[in-house]
mmCIF file of all heavy atoms, coordinates in Angstrom:
data_MODEL
# 
_entry.id   MODEL 
# 
loop_
_atom_site.group_PDB 
_atom_site.id 
_atom_site.type_symbol 
_atom_site.label_atom_id 
_atom_site.label_alt_id 
_atom_site.label_comp_id 
_atom_site.label_asym_id 
_atom_site.label_entity_id 
_atom_site.label_seq_id 
_atom_site.pdbx_PDB_ins_code 
_atom_site.Cartn_x 
_atom_site.Cartn_y 
_atom_site.Cartn_z 
_atom_site.occupancy 
_atom_site.B_iso_or_equiv 
_atom_site.pdbx_formal_charge 
_atom_site.auth_seq_id 
_atom_site.auth_comp_id 
_atom_site.auth_asym_id 
_atom_site.auth_atom_id 
_atom_site.pdbx_PDB_model_num 
ATOM 1   N N   . LEU A 1 1  ? -47.196 325.269 174.321 1.00 0.00 ? 1  LEU A N   1 
ATOM 2   C CA  . LEU A 1 1  ? -45.837 325.199 173.803 1.00 0.00 ? 1  LEU A CA  1 
ATOM 3   C C   . LEU A 1 1  ? -45.441 323.739 173.593 1.00 0.00 ? 1  LEU A C   1 
ATOM 4   O O   . LEU A 1 1  ? -45.597 322.909 174.497 1.00 0.00 ? 1  LEU A O   1 
ATOM 5   C CB  . LEU A 1 1  ? -44.863 325.849 174.779 1.00 0.00 ? 1  LEU A CB  1 
ATOM 6   C CG  . LEU A 1 1  ? -44.982 327.363 174.948 1.00 0.00 ? 1  LEU A CG  1 
ATOM 7   C CD1 . LEU A 1 1  ? -44.155 327.825 176.145 1.00 0.00 ? 1  LEU A CD1 1 
ATOM 8   C CD2 . LEU A 1 1  ? -44.538 328.090 173.691 1.00 0.00 ? 1  LEU A CD2 1 
ATOM 9   N N   . ASP A 1 2  ? -44.960 323.413 172.402 1.00 0.00 ? 2  ASP A N   1 
ATOM 10  C CA  . ASP A 1 2  ? -44.421 322.084 172.139 1.00 0.00 ? 2  ASP A CA  1 
ATOM 11  C C   . ASP A 1 2  ? -43.043 321.977 172.781 1.00 0.00 ? 2  ASP A C   1 
ATOM 12  O O   . ASP A 1 2  ? -42.218 322.897 172.674 1.00 0.00 ? 2  ASP A O   1 
ATOM 13  C CB  . ASP A 1 2  ? -44.320 321.829 170.637 1.00 0.00 ? 2  ASP A CB  1 
ATOM 14  C CG  . ASP A 1 2  ? -45.683 321.711 169.977 1.00 0.00 ? 2  ASP A CG  1 
ATOM 15  O OD1 . ASP A 1 2  ? -46.653 321.368 170.678 1.00 0.00 ? 2  ASP A OD1 1 
ATOM 16  O OD2 . ASP A 1 2  ? -45.774 321.963 168.765 1.00 0.00 ? 2  ASP A OD2 1 
ATOM 17  N N   . ILE A 1 3  ? -42.772 320.853 173.413 1.00 0.00 ? 3  ILE A N   1 
ATOM 18  C CA  . ILE A 1 3  ? -41.582 320.690 174.233 1.00 0.00 ? 3  ILE A CA  1 
ATOM 19  C C   . ILE A 1 3  ? -40.518 319.897 173.482 1.00 0.00 ? 3  ILE A C   1 
ATOM 20  O O   . ILE A 1 3  ? -40.788 318.842 172.919 1.00 0.00 ? 3  ILE A O   1 
ATOM 21  C CB  . ILE A 1 3  ? -41.927 319.966 175.547 1.00 0.00 ? 3  ILE A CB  1 
ATOM 22  C CG1 . ILE A 1 3  ? -43.005 320.744 176.305 1.00 0.00 ? 3  ILE A CG1 1 
ATOM 23  C CG2 . ILE A 1 3  ? -40.684 319.782 176.408 1.00 0.00 ? 3  ILE A CG2 1 
ATOM 24  C CD1 . ILE A 1 3  ? -43.726 319.913 177.338 1.00 0.00 ? 3  ILE A CD1 1 
ATOM 25  N N   . ILE A 1 4  ? -39.303 320.425 173.503 1.00 0.00 ? 4  ILE A N   1 
ATOM 26  C CA  . ILE A 1 4  ? -38.131 319.744 172.956 1.00 0.00 ? 4  ILE A CA  1 
ATOM 27  C C   . ILE A 1 4  ? -37.118 319.635 174.080 1.00 0.00 ? 4  ILE A C   1 
ATOM 28  O O   . ILE A 1 4  ? -36.906 320.593 174.825 1.00 0.00 ? 4  ILE A O   1 
ATOM 29  C CB  . ILE A 1 4  ? -37.542 320.531 171.772 1.00 0.00 ? 4  ILE A CB  1 
ATOM 30  C CG1 . ILE A 1 4  ? -38.605 320.731 170.679 1.00 0.00 ? 4  ILE A CG1 1 
ATOM 31  C CG2 . ILE A 1 4  ? -36.309 319.827 171.207 1.00 0.00 ? 4  ILE A CG2 1 
ATOM 32  C CD1 . ILE A 1 4  ? -38.190 321.711 169.598 1.00 0.00 ? 4  ILE A CD1 1 
ATOM 33  N N   . VAL A 1 5  ? -36.495 318.469 174.210 1.00 0.00 ? 5  VAL A N   1 
ATOM 34  C CA  . VAL A 1 5  ? -35.551 318.256 175.312 1.00 0.00 ? 5  VAL A CA  1 
ATOM 35  C C   . VAL A 1 5  ? -34.255 317.662 174.779 1.00 0.00 ? 5  VAL A C   1 
ATOM 36  O O   . VAL A 1 5  ? -34.269 316.756 173.940 1.00 0.00 ? 5  VAL A O   1 
ATOM 37  C CB  . VAL A 1 5  ? -36.139 317.320 176.386 1.00 0.00 ? 5  VAL A CB  1 
ATOM 38  C CG1 . VAL A 1 5  ? -35.115 317.070 177.500 1.00 0.00 ? 5  VAL A CG1 1 
ATOM 39  C CG2 . VAL A 1 5  ? -37.412 317.902 176.968 1.00 0.00 ? 5  VAL A CG2 1 
ATOM 40  N N   . SER A 1 6  ? -33.132 318.152 175.296 1.00 0.00 ? 6  SER A N   1 
ATOM 41  C CA  . SER A 1 6  ? -31.822 317.544 175.072 1.00 0.00 ? 6  SER A CA  1 
ATOM 42  C C   . SER A 1 6  ? -31.439 316.770 176.327 1.00 0.00 ? 6  SER A C   1 
ATOM 43  O O   . SER A 1 6  ? -31.136 317.374 177.361 1.00 0.00 ? 6  SER A O   1 
ATOM 44  C CB  . SER A 1 6  ? -30.754 318.603 174.788 1.00 0.00 ? 6  SER A CB  1 
ATOM 45  O OG  . SER A 1 6  ? -30.905 319.146 173.505 1.00 0.00 ? 6  SER A OG  1 
ATOM 46  N N   . PRO A 1 7  ? -31.451 315.428 176.279 1.00 0.00 ? 7  PRO A N   1 
ATOM 47  C CA  . PRO A 1 7  ? -30.983 314.636 177.426 1.00 0.00 ? 7  PRO A CA  1 
ATOM 48  C C   . PRO A 1 7  ? -29.482 314.397 177.323 1.00 0.00 ? 7  PRO A C   1 
ATOM 49  O O   . PRO A 1 7  ? -28.952 314.205 176.236 1.00 0.00 ? 7  PRO A O   1 
ATOM 50  C CB  . PRO A 1 7  ? -31.762 313.327 177.273 1.00 0.00 ? 7  PRO A CB  1 
ATOM 51  C CG  . PRO A 1 7  ? -31.965 313.183 175.793 1.00 0.00 ? 7  PRO A CG  1 
ATOM 52  C CD  . PRO A 1 7  ? -32.018 314.578 175.216 1.00 0.00 ? 7  PRO A CD  1 
ATOM 53  N N   . PHE A 1 8  ? -28.798 314.378 178.456 1.00 0.00 ? 8  PHE A N   1 
ATOM 54  C CA  . PHE A 1 8  ? -27.345 314.228 178.460 1.00 0.00 ? 8  PHE A CA  1 
ATOM 55  C C   . PHE A 1 8  ? -26.881 312.991 179.222 1.00 0.00 ? 8  PHE A C   1 
ATOM 56  O O   . PHE A 1 8  ? -25.711 312.894 179.591 1.00 0.00 ? 8  PHE A O   1 
ATOM 57  C CB  . PHE A 1 8  ? -26.692 315.485 179.027 1.00 0.00 ? 8  PHE A CB  1 
ATOM 58  C CG  . PHE A 1 8  ? -26.766 316.658 178.087 1.00 0.00 ? 8  PHE A CG  1 
ATOM 59  C CD1 . PHE A 1 8  ? -27.886 317.476 178.065 1.00 0.00 ? 8  PHE A CD1 1 
ATOM 60  C CD2 . PHE A 1 8  ? -25.733 316.934 177.206 1.00 0.00 ? 8  PHE A CD2 1 
ATOM 61  C CE1 . PHE A 1 8  ? -27.978 318.555 177.186 1.00 0.00 ? 8  PHE A CE1 1 
ATOM 62  C CE2 . PHE A 1 8  ? -25.812 317.998 176.327 1.00 0.00 ? 8  PHE A CE2 1 
ATOM 63  C CZ  . PHE A 1 8  ? -26.936 318.810 176.318 1.00 0.00 ? 8  PHE A CZ  1 
ATOM 64  N N   . SER A 1 9  ? -27.785 312.053 179.438 1.00 0.00 ? 9  SER A N   1 
ATOM 65  C CA  . SER A 1 9  ? -27.433 310.794 180.094 1.00 0.00 ? 9  SER A CA  1 
ATOM 66  C C   . SER A 1 9  ? -28.530 309.778 179.795 1.00 0.00 ? 9  SER A C   1 
ATOM 67  O O   . SER A 1 9  ? -29.638 310.140 179.384 1.00 0.00 ? 9  SER A O   1 
ATOM 68  C CB  . SER A 1 9  ? -27.300 310.980 181.605 1.00 0.00 ? 9  SER A CB  1 
ATOM 69  O OG  . SER A 1 9  ? -28.552 311.356 182.168 1.00 0.00 ? 9  SER A OG  1 
ATOM 70  N N   . ASP A 1 10 ? -28.213 308.505 180.020 1.00 0.00 ? 10 ASP A N   1 
ATOM 71  C CA  . ASP A 1 10 ? -29.237 307.472 179.862 1.00 0.00 ? 10 ASP A CA  1 
ATOM 72  C C   . ASP A 1 10 ? -30.392 307.715 180.823 1.00 0.00 ? 10 ASP A C   1 
ATOM 73  O O   . ASP A 1 10 ? -31.555 307.473 180.490 1.00 0.00 ? 10 ASP A O   1 
ATOM 74  C CB  . ASP A 1 10 ? -28.634 306.087 180.118 1.00 0.00 ? 10 ASP A CB  1 
ATOM 75  C CG  . ASP A 1 10 ? -27.723 305.629 178.995 1.00 0.00 ? 10 ASP A CG  1 
ATOM 76  O OD1 . ASP A 1 10 ? -27.856 306.146 177.870 1.00 0.00 ? 10 ASP A OD1 1 
ATOM 77  O OD2 . ASP A 1 10 ? -26.875 304.742 179.236 1.00 0.00 ? 10 ASP A OD2 1 
ATOM 78  N N   . TYR A 1 11 ? -30.075 308.181 182.021 1.00 0.00 ? 11 TYR A N   1 
ATOM 79  C CA  . TYR A 1 11 ? -31.113 308.457 183.003 1.00 0.00 ? 11 TYR A CA  1 
ATOM 80  C C   . TYR A 1 11 ? -32.058 309.544 182.493 1.00 0.00 ? 11 TYR A C   1 
ATOM 81  O O   . TYR A 1 11 ? -33.286 309.426 182.613 1.00 0.00 ? 11 TYR A O   1 
ATOM 82  C CB  . TYR A 1 11 ? -30.473 308.887 184.318 1.00 0.00 ? 11 TYR A CB  1 
ATOM 83  C CG  . TYR A 1 11 ? -31.459 309.153 185.426 1.00 0.00 ? 11 TYR A CG  1 
ATOM 84  C CD1 . TYR A 1 11 ? -32.118 308.118 186.077 1.00 0.00 ? 11 TYR A CD1 1 
ATOM 85  C CD2 . TYR A 1 11 ? -31.736 310.465 185.834 1.00 0.00 ? 11 TYR A CD2 1 
ATOM 86  C CE1 . TYR A 1 11 ? -33.030 308.364 187.101 1.00 0.00 ? 11 TYR A CE1 1 
ATOM 87  C CE2 . TYR A 1 11 ? -32.636 310.724 186.858 1.00 0.00 ? 11 TYR A CE2 1 
ATOM 88  C CZ  . TYR A 1 11 ? -33.274 309.671 187.481 1.00 0.00 ? 11 TYR A CZ  1 
ATOM 89  O OH  . TYR A 1 11 ? -34.184 309.919 188.488 1.00 0.00 ? 11 TYR A OH  1 
ATOM 90  N N   . ALA A 1 12 ? -31.493 310.598 181.908 1.00 0.00 ? 12 ALA A N   1 
ATOM 91  C CA  . ALA A 1 12 ? -32.328 311.665 181.350 1.00 0.00 ? 12 ALA A CA  1 
ATOM 92  C C   . ALA A 1 12 ? -33.175 311.140 180.196 1.00 0.00 ? 12 ALA A C   1 
ATOM 93  O O   . ALA A 1 12 ? -34.343 311.553 180.040 1.00 0.00 ? 12 ALA A O   1 
ATOM 94  C CB  . ALA A 1 12 ? -31.456 312.832 180.888 1.00 0.00 ? 12 ALA A CB  1 
ATOM 95  N N   . VAL A 1 13 ? -32.619 310.254 179.395 1.00 0.00 ? 13 VAL A N   1 
ATOM 96  C CA  . VAL A 1 13 ? -33.398 309.638 178.309 1.00 0.00 ? 13 VAL A CA  1 
ATOM 97  C C   . VAL A 1 13 ? -34.589 308.882 178.890 1.00 0.00 ? 13 VAL A C   1 
ATOM 98  O O   . VAL A 1 13 ? -35.714 308.971 178.384 1.00 0.00 ? 13 VAL A O   1 
ATOM 99  C CB  . VAL A 1 13 ? -32.511 308.699 177.469 1.00 0.00 ? 13 VAL A CB  1 
ATOM 100 C CG1 . VAL A 1 13 ? -33.367 307.889 176.493 1.00 0.00 ? 13 VAL A CG1 1 
ATOM 101 C CG2 . VAL A 1 13 ? -31.461 309.493 176.704 1.00 0.00 ? 13 VAL A CG2 1 
ATOM 102 N N   . ASP A 1 14 ? -34.352 308.133 179.967 1.00 0.00 ? 14 ASP A N   1 
ATOM 103 C CA  . ASP A 1 14 ? -35.439 307.398 180.613 1.00 0.00 ? 14 ASP A CA  1 
ATOM 104 C C   . ASP A 1 14 ? -36.531 308.345 181.097 1.00 0.00 ? 14 ASP A C   1 
ATOM 105 O O   . ASP A 1 14 ? -37.731 308.056 180.946 1.00 0.00 ? 14 ASP A O   1 
ATOM 106 C CB  . ASP A 1 14 ? -34.907 306.593 181.806 1.00 0.00 ? 14 ASP A CB  1 
ATOM 107 C CG  . ASP A 1 14 ? -33.989 305.459 181.400 1.00 0.00 ? 14 ASP A CG  1 
ATOM 108 O OD1 . ASP A 1 14 ? -34.018 305.061 180.213 1.00 0.00 ? 14 ASP A OD1 1 
ATOM 109 O OD2 . ASP A 1 14 ? -33.238 304.968 182.274 1.00 0.00 ? 14 ASP A OD2 1 
ATOM 110 N N   . ILE A 1 15 ? -36.136 309.477 181.674 1.00 0.00 ? 15 ILE A N   1 
ATOM 111 C CA  . ILE A 1 15 ? -37.111 310.452 182.172 1.00 0.00 ? 15 ILE A CA  1 
ATOM 112 C C   . ILE A 1 15 ? -37.919 311.028 181.005 1.00 0.00 ? 15 ILE A C   1 
ATOM 113 O O   . ILE A 1 15 ? -39.145 311.174 181.091 1.00 0.00 ? 15 ILE A O   1 
ATOM 114 C CB  . ILE A 1 15 ? -36.411 311.582 182.959 1.00 0.00 ? 15 ILE A CB  1 
ATOM 115 C CG1 . ILE A 1 15 ? -35.712 311.023 184.195 1.00 0.00 ? 15 ILE A CG1 1 
ATOM 116 C CG2 . ILE A 1 15 ? -37.415 312.663 183.342 1.00 0.00 ? 15 ILE A CG2 1 
ATOM 117 C CD1 . ILE A 1 15 ? -36.610 310.332 185.178 1.00 0.00 ? 15 ILE A CD1 1 
ATOM 118 N N   . CYS A 1 16 ? -37.233 311.358 179.919 1.00 0.00 ? 16 CYS A N   1 
ATOM 119 C CA  . CYS A 1 16 ? -37.935 311.899 178.753 1.00 0.00 ? 16 CYS A CA  1 
ATOM 120 C C   . CYS A 1 16 ? -38.962 310.907 178.216 1.00 0.00 ? 16 CYS A C   1 
ATOM 121 O O   . CYS A 1 16 ? -40.080 311.282 177.847 1.00 0.00 ? 16 CYS A O   1 
ATOM 122 C CB  . CYS A 1 16 ? -36.936 312.252 177.650 1.00 0.00 ? 16 CYS A CB  1 
ATOM 123 S SG  . CYS A 1 16 ? -35.945 313.726 177.988 1.00 0.00 ? 16 CYS A SG  1 
ATOM 124 N N   . GLU A 1 17 ? -38.591 309.644 178.178 1.00 0.00 ? 17 GLU A N   1 
ATOM 125 C CA  . GLU A 1 17 ? -39.528 308.628 177.693 1.00 0.00 ? 17 GLU A CA  1 
ATOM 126 C C   . GLU A 1 17 ? -40.705 308.480 178.648 1.00 0.00 ? 17 GLU A C   1 
ATOM 127 O O   . GLU A 1 17 ? -41.859 308.415 178.216 1.00 0.00 ? 17 GLU A O   1 
ATOM 128 C CB  . GLU A 1 17 ? -38.807 307.293 177.526 1.00 0.00 ? 17 GLU A CB  1 
ATOM 129 C CG  . GLU A 1 17 ? -39.696 306.207 176.912 1.00 0.00 ? 17 GLU A CG  1 
ATOM 130 C CD  . GLU A 1 17 ? -38.940 304.919 176.684 1.00 0.00 ? 17 GLU A CD  1 
ATOM 131 O OE1 . GLU A 1 17 ? -38.156 304.508 177.571 1.00 0.00 ? 17 GLU A OE1 1 
ATOM 132 O OE2 . GLU A 1 17 ? -39.146 304.297 175.616 1.00 0.00 ? 17 GLU A OE2 1 
ATOM 133 N N   . ALA A 1 18 ? -40.425 308.460 179.953 1.00 0.00 ? 18 ALA A N   1 
ATOM 134 C CA  . ALA A 1 18 ? -41.488 308.311 180.948 1.00 0.00 ? 18 ALA A CA  1 
ATOM 135 C C   . ALA A 1 18 ? -42.462 309.480 180.902 1.00 0.00 ? 18 ALA A C   1 
ATOM 136 O O   . ALA A 1 18 ? -43.673 309.297 181.122 1.00 0.00 ? 18 ALA A O   1 
ATOM 137 C CB  . ALA A 1 18 ? -40.884 308.173 182.343 1.00 0.00 ? 18 ALA A CB  1 
ATOM 138 N N   . LEU A 1 19 ? -41.951 310.675 180.601 1.00 0.00 ? 19 LEU A N   1 
ATOM 139 C CA  . LEU A 1 19 ? -42.800 311.867 180.557 1.00 0.00 ? 19 LEU A CA  1 
ATOM 140 C C   . LEU A 1 19 ? -43.348 312.143 179.161 1.00 0.00 ? 19 LEU A C   1 
ATOM 141 O O   . LEU A 1 19 ? -43.925 313.189 178.906 1.00 0.00 ? 19 LEU A O   1 
ATOM 142 C CB  . LEU A 1 19 ? -42.015 313.084 181.070 1.00 0.00 ? 19 LEU A CB  1 
ATOM 143 C CG  . LEU A 1 19 ? -41.539 312.993 182.524 1.00 0.00 ? 19 LEU A CG  1 
ATOM 144 C CD1 . LEU A 1 19 ? -40.845 314.276 182.952 1.00 0.00 ? 19 LEU A CD1 1 
ATOM 145 C CD2 . LEU A 1 19 ? -42.701 312.679 183.463 1.00 0.00 ? 19 LEU A CD2 1 
ATOM 146 N N   . LYS A 1 20 ? -43.140 311.172 178.245 1.00 0.00 ? 20 LYS A N   1 
ATOM 147 C CA  . LYS A 1 20 ? -43.734 311.196 176.902 1.00 0.00 ? 20 LYS A CA  1 
ATOM 148 C C   . LYS A 1 20 ? -43.297 312.393 176.062 1.00 0.00 ? 20 LYS A C   1 
ATOM 149 O O   . LYS A 1 20 ? -44.086 312.977 175.314 1.00 0.00 ? 20 LYS A O   1 
ATOM 150 C CB  . LYS A 1 20 ? -45.266 311.129 176.988 1.00 0.00 ? 20 LYS A CB  1 
ATOM 151 C CG  . LYS A 1 20 ? -45.779 309.909 177.730 1.00 0.00 ? 20 LYS A CG  1 
ATOM 152 C CD  . LYS A 1 20 ? -47.295 309.814 177.678 1.00 0.00 ? 20 LYS A CD  1 
ATOM 153 C CE  . LYS A 1 20 ? -47.795 308.662 178.553 1.00 0.00 ? 20 LYS A CE  1 
ATOM 154 N NZ  . LYS A 1 20 ? -47.213 307.359 178.190 1.00 0.00 ? 20 LYS A NZ  1 
ATOM 155 N N   . ILE A 1 21 ? -42.031 312.768 176.205 1.00 0.00 ? 21 ILE A N   1 
ATOM 156 C CA  . ILE A 1 21 ? -41.468 313.789 175.323 1.00 0.00 ? 21 ILE A CA  1 
ATOM 157 C C   . ILE A 1 21 ? -41.369 313.195 173.920 1.00 0.00 ? 21 ILE A C   1 
ATOM 158 O O   . ILE A 1 21 ? -40.890 312.082 173.732 1.00 0.00 ? 21 ILE A O   1 
ATOM 159 C CB  . ILE A 1 21 ? -40.075 314.225 175.816 1.00 0.00 ? 21 ILE A CB  1 
ATOM 160 C CG1 . ILE A 1 21 ? -40.193 314.868 177.203 1.00 0.00 ? 21 ILE A CG1 1 
ATOM 161 C CG2 . ILE A 1 21 ? -39.421 315.196 174.824 1.00 0.00 ? 21 ILE A CG2 1 
ATOM 162 C CD1 . ILE A 1 21 ? -41.056 316.102 177.247 1.00 0.00 ? 21 ILE A CD1 1 
ATOM 163 N N   . ARG A 1 22 ? -41.812 313.932 172.930 1.00 0.00 ? 22 ARG A N   1 
ATOM 164 C CA  . ARG A 1 22 ? -41.853 313.401 171.573 1.00 0.00 ? 22 ARG A CA  1 
ATOM 165 C C   . ARG A 1 22 ? -40.654 313.829 170.728 1.00 0.00 ? 22 ARG A C   1 
ATOM 166 O O   . ARG A 1 22 ? -40.207 313.088 169.856 1.00 0.00 ? 22 ARG A O   1 
ATOM 167 C CB  . ARG A 1 22 ? -43.145 313.861 170.873 1.00 0.00 ? 22 ARG A CB  1 
ATOM 168 C CG  . ARG A 1 22 ? -44.417 313.274 171.499 1.00 0.00 ? 22 ARG A CG  1 
ATOM 169 C CD  . ARG A 1 22 ? -44.591 311.812 171.162 1.00 0.00 ? 22 ARG A CD  1 
ATOM 170 N NE  . ARG A 1 22 ? -44.660 311.603 169.729 1.00 0.00 ? 22 ARG A NE  1 
ATOM 171 C CZ  . ARG A 1 22 ? -45.748 311.829 168.982 1.00 0.00 ? 22 ARG A CZ  1 
ATOM 172 N NH1 . ARG A 1 22 ? -46.849 312.322 169.535 1.00 0.00 ? 22 ARG A NH1 1 
ATOM 173 N NH2 . ARG A 1 22 ? -45.729 311.582 167.683 1.00 0.00 ? 22 ARG A NH2 1 
ATOM 174 N N   . THR A 1 23 ? -40.147 315.043 170.942 1.00 0.00 ? 23 THR A N   1 
ATOM 175 C CA  . THR A 1 23 ? -39.032 315.536 170.128 1.00 0.00 ? 23 THR A CA  1 
ATOM 176 C C   . THR A 1 23 ? -37.777 315.669 170.981 1.00 0.00 ? 23 THR A C   1 
ATOM 177 O O   . THR A 1 23 ? -37.765 316.372 171.988 1.00 0.00 ? 23 THR A O   1 
ATOM 178 C CB  . THR A 1 23 ? -39.376 316.898 169.487 1.00 0.00 ? 23 THR A CB  1 
ATOM 179 O OG1 . THR A 1 23 ? -40.510 316.753 168.647 1.00 0.00 ? 23 THR A OG1 1 
ATOM 180 C CG2 . THR A 1 23 ? -38.190 317.397 168.655 1.00 0.00 ? 23 THR A CG2 1 
ATOM 181 N N   . ILE A 1 24 ? -36.717 314.992 170.545 1.00 0.00 ? 24 ILE A N   1 
ATOM 182 C CA  . ILE A 1 24 ? -35.443 315.004 171.240 1.00 0.00 ? 24 ILE A CA  1 
ATOM 183 C C   . ILE A 1 24 ? -34.439 315.799 170.420 1.00 0.00 ? 24 ILE A C   1 
ATOM 184 O O   . ILE A 1 24 ? -34.296 315.593 169.213 1.00 0.00 ? 24 ILE A O   1 
ATOM 185 C CB  . ILE A 1 24 ? -34.918 313.570 171.458 1.00 0.00 ? 24 ILE A CB  1 
ATOM 186 C CG1 . ILE A 1 24 ? -35.870 312.784 172.361 1.00 0.00 ? 24 ILE A CG1 1 
ATOM 187 C CG2 . ILE A 1 24 ? -33.503 313.591 172.039 1.00 0.00 ? 24 ILE A CG2 1 
ATOM 188 C CD1 . ILE A 1 24 ? -35.969 313.294 173.779 1.00 0.00 ? 24 ILE A CD1 1 
# 
């Protein structure tokens, strides 16, 4: 499954980047 994430804070954005999420 390709993963898409909606981050709702700068901290969540940092986590998405660290975990190499490609689609926001």
